[in-house]
Amino acid sequence: MENSEVRQRKFGKKKQNATEAATKQEKPQSSICWLIFCVIVSTVLVLLLIGYINSPVKAVAIKDYVHVPLTGKFSINYKLTKGKRIPLTGPESIAEGGDGKLYTGLADGRVVCIHPSNDGEIGAGKVENITTGVIEGAFAIYNDTGHGRPLGIRLNGNTLYVMDAVYGFYSIDLSTKKVTLLVTPNAVEPAMKFPDDLTITADGKTVYFTDLGLYPMSQIGYLLFSGLCSGRVIKYDIATKKVTVVLKDLCWANGIQLTKDQTAVIVCETNNYRCKWFDVKTWEEIRVLNLPVMPDNVRMSNHETYWVTGGHVNKVPTLLSAISQKVPFFRQSLLGLLSPDLQMMVFFYTVNANLNMLIEVNDKAEVIQVLQDPDAQLCLGLTQATHLSDGRIALGSVFGPFLAILDKPDM
């Protein structure tokens, strides 16, 4: 045998041995990677199971959510971006008096009055404290902050009515600034956990107000992720002080507004992205309006239509969102693993909080026009639109550091 052939065979054998050795080295590396993957998956599943078992809330499937895309009348526009801002923190709801004064409640519990300027411009004058934000001796739903949280605000004559998430329902005599508790949270059976908004009949005799759900504002994540429909509408007779629960099992009963003929109320079901009309005699559902945003408050416009405000467009892919709605395991696990603050961080990660929307609708639940602020240029966390007597629109916010006033929109 020639030397060249021997060398080739030896070289081939060495090459084969080297390949086999490399293969043997790769196998342990693959096994280690697979082991690490299995450990990670197992750990996540165990954590999810622990969260599911330890969750203080039993999450349920969301069965009747209707996805509405940002197309047609809901296509992105910039009609809600021009106006001015007034530095105030969390002005959720706004009411205008006949003298051009604006009233709103703030995150620190105060109710304030924004006076017009010396030349009569609404919203351009001094800010006056109407309340301190604390009602001494009053029953509080939660004491985390040490003060109230006024949400819904309505003005009737010289009386300002306030729905407070901590103290319940009270009135303020604007002449004396005297605060009178009308319905404390524990005056309703079962007790209110999240009083939110109100509407008053034209004769001033009856108030309808919402109780958002089973958990207080300090635990709002439980309501967001549980899928529970535990909201209510409550009727209050001002003369007799009688309290009656007229609607229940609503999916986050938020804003409420009587229709112009007083025969129905419009209720915003925030967590299910819709508004519903209910007959005030039979309390049967009349119609429903599904939306692409989570609706907050609803108020009548100057031309007897309705302004519905909202934001928080779901940015989770449709398939994943559908799975999350139908399979409550993951949502319940999250509630058992995360604190209320972390729950809210997850919520704001899954929605576009910068997109704000003002929707004009009629009595037939038909959308007339949609004004949008897609990048929070003017408003942030939009909660309510109050049509002012000068044609402009005051825009509230639950967490924004300002009250915004939209320039007079084209109609």
Protein backbone atom coordinates (compact mmCIF):
# COMPACT_ATOMS: atom_id res chain seq x y z
CA MET A 1 0.00 0.00 0.00
CA GLU A 2 1.33 3.38 -0.93
CA ASN A 3 2.13 5.90 1.79
CA SER A 4 -0.37 8.42 0.38
CA GLU A 5 -3.24 5.96 0.81
CA VAL A 6 -2.27 5.24 4.41
CA ARG A 7 -2.08 8.92 5.15
CA GLN A 8 -5.56 9.50 3.62
CA ARG A 9 -7.09 6.67 5.63
CA LYS A 10 -5.52 7.93 8.83
CA PHE A 11 -6.59 11.47 8.06
CA GLY A 12 -10.16 10.33 7.28
CA LYS A 13 -10.29 8.36 10.50
CA LYS A 14 -9.07 11.34 12.49
CA LYS A 15 -11.65 13.54 10.79
CA GLN A 16 -14.40 11.05 11.57
CA ASN A 17 -13.29 10.82 15.20
CA ALA A 18 -13.32 14.62 15.45
CA THR A 19 -16.86 14.77 14.05
CA GLU A 20 -18.04 12.13 16.49
CA ALA A 21 -16.47 14.04 19.37
CA ALA A 22 -18.16 17.27 18.29
CA THR A 23 -21.47 15.45 18.05
CA LYS A 24 -21.00 14.05 21.54
CA GLN A 25 -20.30 17.58 22.82
CA GLU A 26 -23.40 19.01 21.10
CA LYS A 27 -25.70 16.44 22.64
CA PRO A 28 -25.00 17.48 26.25
CA GLN A 29 -25.36 21.17 25.29
CA SER A 30 -28.76 20.49 23.68
CA SER A 31 -29.82 18.50 26.70
CA ILE A 32 -28.81 21.36 29.03
CA CYS A 33 -30.75 23.91 26.93
CA TRP A 34 -33.80 21.69 26.93
CA LEU A 35 -33.49 21.19 30.69
CA ILE A 36 -33.25 24.95 31.29
CA PHE A 37 -36.30 25.52 29.09
CA CYS A 38 -38.29 22.90 31.01
CA VAL A 39 -37.27 24.42 34.35
CA ILE A 40 -38.34 27.91 33.23
CA VAL A 41 -41.69 26.70 31.89
CA SER A 42 -42.32 24.62 35.00
CA THR A 43 -41.47 27.57 37.26
CA VAL A 44 -43.82 29.89 35.37
CA LEU A 45 -46.63 27.33 35.49
CA VAL A 46 -46.10 26.79 39.22
CA LEU A 47 -46.16 30.56 39.84
CA LEU A 48 -49.32 30.92 37.76
CA LEU A 49 -50.94 28.10 39.68
CA ILE A 50 -49.94 29.66 43.01
CA GLY A 51 -51.35 33.00 41.86
CA TYR A 52 -54.55 31.33 40.69
CA ILE A 53 -55.04 29.56 44.03
CA ASN A 54 -54.11 32.59 46.15
CA SER A 55 -56.10 35.14 44.16
CA PRO A 56 -58.63 36.99 46.32
CA VAL A 57 -60.86 37.24 43.26
CA LYS A 58 -62.41 34.50 41.15
CA ALA A 59 -62.08 35.63 37.55
CA VAL A 60 -64.78 34.74 35.04
CA ALA A 61 -64.99 34.45 31.26
CA ILE A 62 -65.98 37.60 29.37
CA LYS A 63 -68.75 36.35 27.12
CA ASP A 64 -70.32 39.31 25.33
CA TYR A 65 -67.49 41.69 24.45
CA VAL A 66 -67.71 42.94 20.85
CA HIS A 67 -64.51 44.11 19.18
CA VAL A 68 -64.95 47.38 17.25
CA PRO A 69 -62.02 48.33 14.97
CA LEU A 70 -60.66 51.83 14.48
CA THR A 71 -62.21 52.15 11.02
CA GLY A 72 -65.06 54.11 9.45
CA LYS A 73 -66.30 56.82 11.82
CA PHE A 74 -63.76 55.60 14.37
CA SER A 75 -60.77 56.07 12.05
CA ILE A 76 -57.95 58.05 13.62
CA ASN A 77 -58.30 61.85 13.40
CA TYR A 78 -56.93 64.89 15.25
CA LYS A 79 -60.13 66.83 15.95
CA LEU A 80 -59.64 66.74 19.72
CA THR A 81 -56.21 68.37 19.94
CA LYS A 82 -56.72 72.14 19.92
CA GLY A 83 -57.48 74.00 23.14
CA LYS A 84 -56.06 75.02 26.50
CA ARG A 85 -55.09 73.30 29.74
CA ILE A 86 -55.78 74.35 33.33
CA PRO A 87 -53.33 72.82 35.86
CA LEU A 88 -55.44 70.63 38.19
CA THR A 89 -54.89 67.00 39.18
CA GLY A 90 -57.57 64.46 38.30
CA PRO A 91 -60.58 66.67 37.43
CA GLU A 92 -62.83 63.66 36.65
CA SER A 93 -66.16 65.48 36.16
CA ILE A 94 -67.09 69.09 35.41
CA ALA A 95 -70.32 71.06 35.81
CA GLU A 96 -70.93 74.63 34.67
CA GLY A 97 -73.01 77.12 36.63
CA GLY A 98 -75.20 79.79 35.04
CA ASP A 99 -72.61 82.41 35.93
CA GLY A 100 -69.83 80.77 33.95
CA LYS A 101 -68.23 79.12 36.96
CA LEU A 102 -66.89 75.59 36.55
CA TYR A 103 -67.03 73.02 39.35
CA THR A 104 -64.90 69.89 39.51
CA GLY A 105 -63.54 67.33 41.97
CA LEU A 106 -59.83 66.57 42.26
CA ALA A 107 -57.61 63.61 43.11
CA ASP A 108 -56.80 65.09 46.54
CA GLY A 109 -60.49 65.02 47.48
CA ARG A 110 -61.25 68.71 47.06
CA VAL A 111 -64.16 70.17 45.12
CA VAL A 112 -63.12 73.45 43.51
CA CYS A 113 -64.68 76.29 41.55
CA ILE A 114 -62.90 77.77 38.54
CA HIS A 115 -64.09 81.34 38.12
CA PRO A 116 -64.28 83.09 34.76
CA SER A 117 -61.71 85.78 34.06
CA ASN A 118 -62.44 89.46 34.62
CA ASP A 119 -63.45 89.76 30.98
CA GLY A 120 -65.81 86.75 31.25
CA GLU A 121 -63.74 83.95 29.70
CA ILE A 122 -64.90 80.64 31.16
CA GLY A 123 -62.18 78.64 32.88
CA ALA A 124 -59.65 81.49 32.87
CA GLY A 125 -60.06 82.90 36.40
CA LYS A 126 -58.97 81.97 39.91
CA VAL A 127 -59.47 78.52 41.42
CA GLU A 128 -61.40 78.54 44.70
CA ASN A 129 -61.64 75.68 47.19
CA ILE A 130 -65.24 74.66 47.92
CA THR A 131 -64.37 71.72 50.20
CA THR A 132 -61.23 70.52 51.98
CA GLY A 133 -61.55 66.98 50.65
CA VAL A 134 -62.14 65.50 54.11
CA ILE A 135 -65.55 64.90 55.70
CA GLU A 136 -64.85 64.48 59.41
CA GLY A 137 -66.55 61.52 61.03
CA ALA A 138 -67.95 60.18 57.75
CA PHE A 139 -67.85 56.47 56.91
CA ALA A 140 -65.09 55.82 54.36
CA ILE A 141 -64.98 52.89 51.94
CA TYR A 142 -61.19 52.91 52.19
CA ASN A 143 -58.74 55.03 54.18
CA ASP A 144 -55.60 54.71 52.07
CA THR A 145 -55.46 58.40 51.27
CA GLY A 146 -57.18 60.01 54.25
CA HIS A 147 -59.50 62.02 52.01
CA GLY A 148 -62.33 61.58 49.55
CA ARG A 149 -62.30 61.13 45.79
CA PRO A 150 -65.10 63.12 44.11
CA LEU A 151 -66.00 61.61 40.74
CA GLY A 152 -69.46 62.45 39.34
CA ILE A 153 -70.55 66.10 39.68
CA ARG A 154 -73.94 67.66 38.88
CA LEU A 155 -75.35 71.11 39.52
CA ASN A 156 -79.03 71.73 40.28
CA GLY A 157 -79.86 75.31 41.14
CA ASN A 158 -77.56 76.40 43.95
CA THR A 159 -76.82 72.84 45.05
CA LEU A 160 -73.86 70.85 43.82
CA TYR A 161 -74.32 67.08 43.97
CA VAL A 162 -71.22 64.92 44.25
CA MET A 163 -70.68 61.17 43.95
CA ASP A 164 -67.54 60.34 45.90
CA ALA A 165 -65.70 57.01 45.62
CA VAL A 166 -64.79 57.16 49.33
CA TYR A 167 -67.68 58.91 51.11
CA GLY A 168 -70.66 58.16 48.87
CA PHE A 169 -73.27 60.71 47.78
CA TYR A 170 -73.33 64.22 49.22
CA SER A 171 -74.53 67.71 48.38
CA ILE A 172 -72.89 71.10 48.75
CA ASP A 173 -74.85 74.31 49.35
CA LEU A 174 -72.85 76.75 47.24
CA SER A 175 -74.03 79.75 49.31
CA THR A 176 -72.72 78.37 52.60
CA LYS A 177 -70.36 75.62 51.37
CA LYS A 178 -72.12 73.25 53.77
CA VAL A 179 -71.63 69.58 52.93
CA THR A 180 -74.55 67.22 53.59
CA LEU A 181 -74.15 63.46 53.32
CA LEU A 182 -77.17 62.04 51.50
CA VAL A 183 -76.32 58.36 50.93
CA THR A 184 -73.40 56.82 52.81
CA PRO A 185 -71.87 53.68 51.30
CA ASN A 186 -73.33 51.45 54.02
CA ALA A 187 -76.84 52.86 53.56
CA VAL A 188 -77.28 50.59 50.55
CA GLU A 189 -77.75 46.82 50.77
CA PRO A 190 -75.24 45.42 50.02
CA ALA A 191 -72.97 48.34 50.80
CA MET A 192 -71.52 50.39 47.95
CA LYS A 193 -67.88 49.74 47.11
CA PHE A 194 -67.27 52.18 44.25
CA PRO A 195 -69.81 55.05 43.95
CA ASP A 196 -69.10 56.74 40.63
CA ASP A 197 -71.54 58.96 38.73
CA LEU A 198 -75.04 60.41 38.92
CA THR A 199 -77.83 61.99 36.90
CA ILE A 200 -80.78 64.05 38.17
CA THR A 201 -84.32 64.22 36.78
CA ALA A 202 -85.50 67.54 35.33
CA ASP A 203 -87.79 68.17 38.32
CA GLY A 204 -84.88 67.69 40.69
CA LYS A 205 -86.70 65.03 42.71
CA THR A 206 -84.90 61.84 41.72
CA VAL A 207 -81.26 60.90 41.38
CA TYR A 208 -79.91 57.80 39.62
CA PHE A 209 -76.35 56.89 40.43
CA THR A 210 -73.89 54.09 39.70
CA ASP A 211 -71.94 51.77 41.97
CA LEU A 212 -69.16 50.50 39.77
CA GLY A 213 -68.59 47.03 41.23
CA LEU A 214 -67.62 44.77 44.13
CA TYR A 215 -64.23 46.35 44.81
CA PRO A 216 -63.22 49.90 45.79
CA MET A 217 -61.23 52.34 43.71
CA SER A 218 -58.07 51.39 45.62
CA GLN A 219 -58.43 47.84 44.19
CA ILE A 220 -59.52 48.78 40.70
CA GLY A 221 -57.30 46.09 39.16
CA TYR A 222 -59.61 43.43 40.59
CA LEU A 223 -62.43 44.88 38.52
CA LEU A 224 -60.31 45.28 35.39
CA PHE A 225 -58.99 41.73 35.26
CA SER A 226 -61.67 39.64 36.97
CA GLY A 227 -64.33 40.15 34.29
CA LEU A 228 -66.97 40.33 37.03
CA CYS A 229 -70.17 42.16 36.16
CA SER A 230 -71.17 43.42 39.60
CA GLY A 231 -72.08 47.04 38.86
CA ARG A 232 -75.39 48.61 39.86
CA VAL A 233 -77.68 51.57 39.23
CA ILE A 234 -79.33 52.95 42.36
CA LYS A 235 -82.34 55.26 42.59
CA TYR A 236 -82.54 57.94 45.29
CA ASP A 237 -85.66 59.95 46.13
CA ILE A 238 -84.53 63.34 47.44
CA ALA A 239 -87.76 64.04 49.37
CA THR A 240 -88.21 60.66 51.05
CA LYS A 241 -84.50 59.70 51.06
CA LYS A 242 -85.51 56.24 49.88
CA VAL A 243 -82.77 54.20 48.21
CA THR A 244 -83.61 51.46 45.69
CA VAL A 245 -81.33 49.25 43.61
CA VAL A 246 -82.92 49.26 40.14
CA LEU A 247 -80.21 47.57 38.04
CA LYS A 248 -77.48 45.10 38.88
CA ASP A 249 -74.98 42.73 37.21
CA LEU A 250 -73.62 45.52 35.01
CA CYS A 251 -70.09 45.20 33.64
CA TRP A 252 -68.48 48.13 35.43
CA ALA A 253 -71.34 50.64 35.75
CA ASN A 254 -69.58 53.96 35.21
CA GLY A 255 -71.10 57.11 33.67
CA ILE A 256 -74.86 57.64 33.65
CA GLN A 257 -77.14 60.14 31.88
CA LEU A 258 -80.91 60.55 31.60
CA THR A 259 -82.16 60.88 28.04
CA LYS A 260 -83.71 64.19 26.98
CA ASP A 261 -87.27 62.81 27.30
CA GLN A 262 -86.42 61.36 30.76
CA THR A 263 -87.72 57.90 29.78
CA ALA A 264 -84.36 56.13 29.85
CA VAL A 265 -80.86 56.26 31.25
CA ILE A 266 -77.64 55.68 29.34
CA VAL A 267 -75.10 53.67 31.33
CA CYS A 268 -71.46 53.22 30.33
CA GLU A 269 -70.22 49.66 30.89
CA THR A 270 -66.54 50.46 30.83
CA ASN A 271 -65.00 47.00 31.06
CA ASN A 272 -67.07 45.67 28.14
CA TYR A 273 -66.47 48.68 25.86
CA ARG A 274 -70.13 49.67 25.48
CA CYS A 275 -73.01 51.92 26.53
CA LYS A 276 -76.55 50.67 27.18
CA TRP A 277 -79.94 52.37 27.24
CA PHE A 278 -82.42 51.23 29.95
CA ASP A 279 -86.09 52.12 30.33
CA VAL A 280 -86.57 53.84 33.73
CA LYS A 281 -90.02 52.25 34.25
CA THR A 282 -89.33 48.63 33.36
CA TRP A 283 -85.52 48.72 33.57
CA GLU A 284 -85.35 46.61 30.46
CA GLU A 285 -82.46 47.09 28.06
CA ILE A 286 -83.53 49.16 25.04
CA ARG A 287 -80.37 49.40 22.93
CA VAL A 288 -76.62 49.02 23.07
CA LEU A 289 -73.68 50.84 21.52
CA ASN A 290 -70.39 48.93 21.22
CA LEU A 291 -67.23 51.04 21.09
CA PRO A 292 -63.51 50.65 20.33
CA VAL A 293 -62.58 52.41 23.59
CA MET A 294 -63.49 51.97 27.24
CA PRO A 295 -66.29 54.53 27.79
CA ASP A 296 -66.25 56.54 31.00
CA ASN A 297 -68.84 59.30 31.42
CA VAL A 298 -71.73 60.47 29.27
CA ARG A 299 -73.30 63.94 29.26
CA MET A 300 -75.89 65.77 27.15
CA SER A 301 -74.58 68.23 24.58
CA ASN A 302 -75.88 71.75 23.96
CA HIS A 303 -77.95 70.42 21.06
CA GLU A 304 -79.55 67.49 22.94
CA THR A 305 -77.30 64.74 21.70
CA TYR A 306 -74.86 62.95 24.01
CA TRP A 307 -71.11 63.13 24.49
CA VAL A 308 -69.52 59.80 25.42
CA THR A 309 -65.87 59.97 26.42
CA GLY A 310 -63.35 57.18 26.45
CA GLY A 311 -59.82 55.97 25.94
CA HIS A 312 -57.69 52.91 26.59
CA VAL A 313 -57.84 51.12 23.26
CA ASN A 314 -56.91 47.45 23.63
CA LYS A 315 -53.54 46.90 21.92
CA VAL A 316 -53.28 43.17 22.67
CA PRO A 317 -53.53 41.11 19.43
CA THR A 318 -57.10 39.99 18.77
CA LEU A 319 -56.35 36.27 19.18
CA LEU A 320 -54.56 36.72 22.52
CA SER A 321 -57.27 39.09 23.72
CA ALA A 322 -59.95 36.55 22.81
CA ILE A 323 -58.09 33.80 24.67
CA SER A 324 -57.73 36.02 27.73
CA GLN A 325 -61.46 36.81 27.67
CA LYS A 326 -62.55 33.19 27.37
CA VAL A 327 -59.90 31.67 29.66
CA PRO A 328 -59.88 33.45 33.04
CA PHE A 329 -57.00 31.36 34.44
CA PHE A 330 -54.28 33.83 33.44
CA ARG A 331 -56.20 36.89 34.66
CA GLN A 332 -56.93 35.24 38.00
CA SER A 333 -53.27 34.20 38.35
CA LEU A 334 -52.19 37.78 37.72
CA LEU A 335 -54.52 39.02 40.48
CA GLY A 336 -53.02 36.54 42.90
CA LEU A 337 -49.40 37.38 42.07
CA LEU A 338 -49.37 41.16 41.70
CA SER A 339 -50.12 44.06 44.02
CA PRO A 340 -52.82 46.58 42.98
CA ASP A 341 -50.13 48.98 41.73
CA LEU A 342 -48.47 46.31 39.59
CA GLN A 343 -51.88 45.25 38.27
CA MET A 344 -52.39 48.78 36.99
CA MET A 345 -48.94 48.75 35.38
CA VAL A 346 -49.92 45.60 33.49
CA PHE A 347 -53.21 47.22 32.46
CA PHE A 348 -51.51 50.32 31.06
CA TYR A 349 -49.05 48.07 29.21
CA THR A 350 -51.91 46.29 27.43
CA VAL A 351 -53.82 49.40 26.34
CA ASN A 352 -53.05 52.58 24.47
CA ALA A 353 -53.73 55.15 27.19
CA ASN A 354 -52.70 58.10 25.03
CA LEU A 355 -55.57 57.71 22.58
CA ASN A 356 -58.57 59.77 23.78
CA MET A 357 -61.94 59.82 22.09
CA LEU A 358 -65.04 62.01 22.23
CA ILE A 359 -68.06 60.37 20.61
CA GLU A 360 -71.32 62.16 19.83
CA VAL A 361 -74.36 59.87 19.70
CA ASN A 362 -78.11 60.30 19.37
CA ASP A 363 -81.10 58.68 21.11
CA LYS A 364 -80.97 55.75 18.72
CA ALA A 365 -77.40 54.94 19.82
CA GLU A 366 -76.13 56.06 16.40
CA VAL A 367 -72.69 57.64 16.17
CA ILE A 368 -72.89 61.18 14.76
CA GLN A 369 -69.22 62.13 14.92
CA VAL A 370 -65.99 61.12 16.61
CA LEU A 371 -63.26 63.52 17.77
CA GLN A 372 -59.88 62.04 18.66
CA ASP A 373 -56.64 62.96 20.34
CA PRO A 374 -54.43 59.97 19.41
CA ASP A 375 -51.24 61.24 21.06
CA ALA A 376 -52.55 63.01 24.19
CA GLN A 377 -51.74 66.43 22.75
CA LEU A 378 -54.63 68.08 24.63
CA CYS A 379 -56.23 65.51 26.94
CA LEU A 380 -55.04 62.48 28.88
CA GLY A 381 -57.15 59.84 30.58
CA LEU A 382 -60.30 61.47 29.19
CA THR A 383 -63.31 60.90 31.44
CA GLN A 384 -65.99 63.48 30.67
CA ALA A 385 -67.00 66.14 28.16
CA THR A 386 -69.07 69.08 29.40
CA HIS A 387 -70.44 71.32 26.68
CA LEU A 388 -69.94 74.91 27.87
CA SER A 389 -72.27 77.81 27.26
CA ASP A 390 -69.67 79.48 24.99
CA GLY A 391 -69.62 76.44 22.68
CA ARG A 392 -66.32 75.02 23.86
CA ILE A 393 -66.06 71.65 25.62
CA ALA A 394 -64.45 71.06 29.02
CA LEU A 395 -62.61 67.73 29.16
CA GLY A 396 -62.10 65.89 32.45
CA SER A 397 -59.43 63.37 33.40
CA VAL A 398 -59.22 60.75 36.13
CA PHE A 399 -55.41 60.88 36.42
CA GLY A 400 -54.19 63.71 34.18
CA PRO A 401 -52.56 66.80 35.75
CA PHE A 402 -54.91 69.23 34.04
CA LEU A 403 -58.44 70.07 32.97
CA ALA A 404 -58.57 70.68 29.23
CA ILE A 405 -60.93 72.93 27.28
CA LEU A 406 -61.40 72.09 23.61
CA ASP A 407 -61.74 74.96 21.19
CA LYS A 408 -65.25 75.25 19.78
CA PRO A 409 -65.55 72.23 17.46
CA ASP A 410 -67.06 72.32 13.99
CA MET A 411 -70.54 70.76 14.04
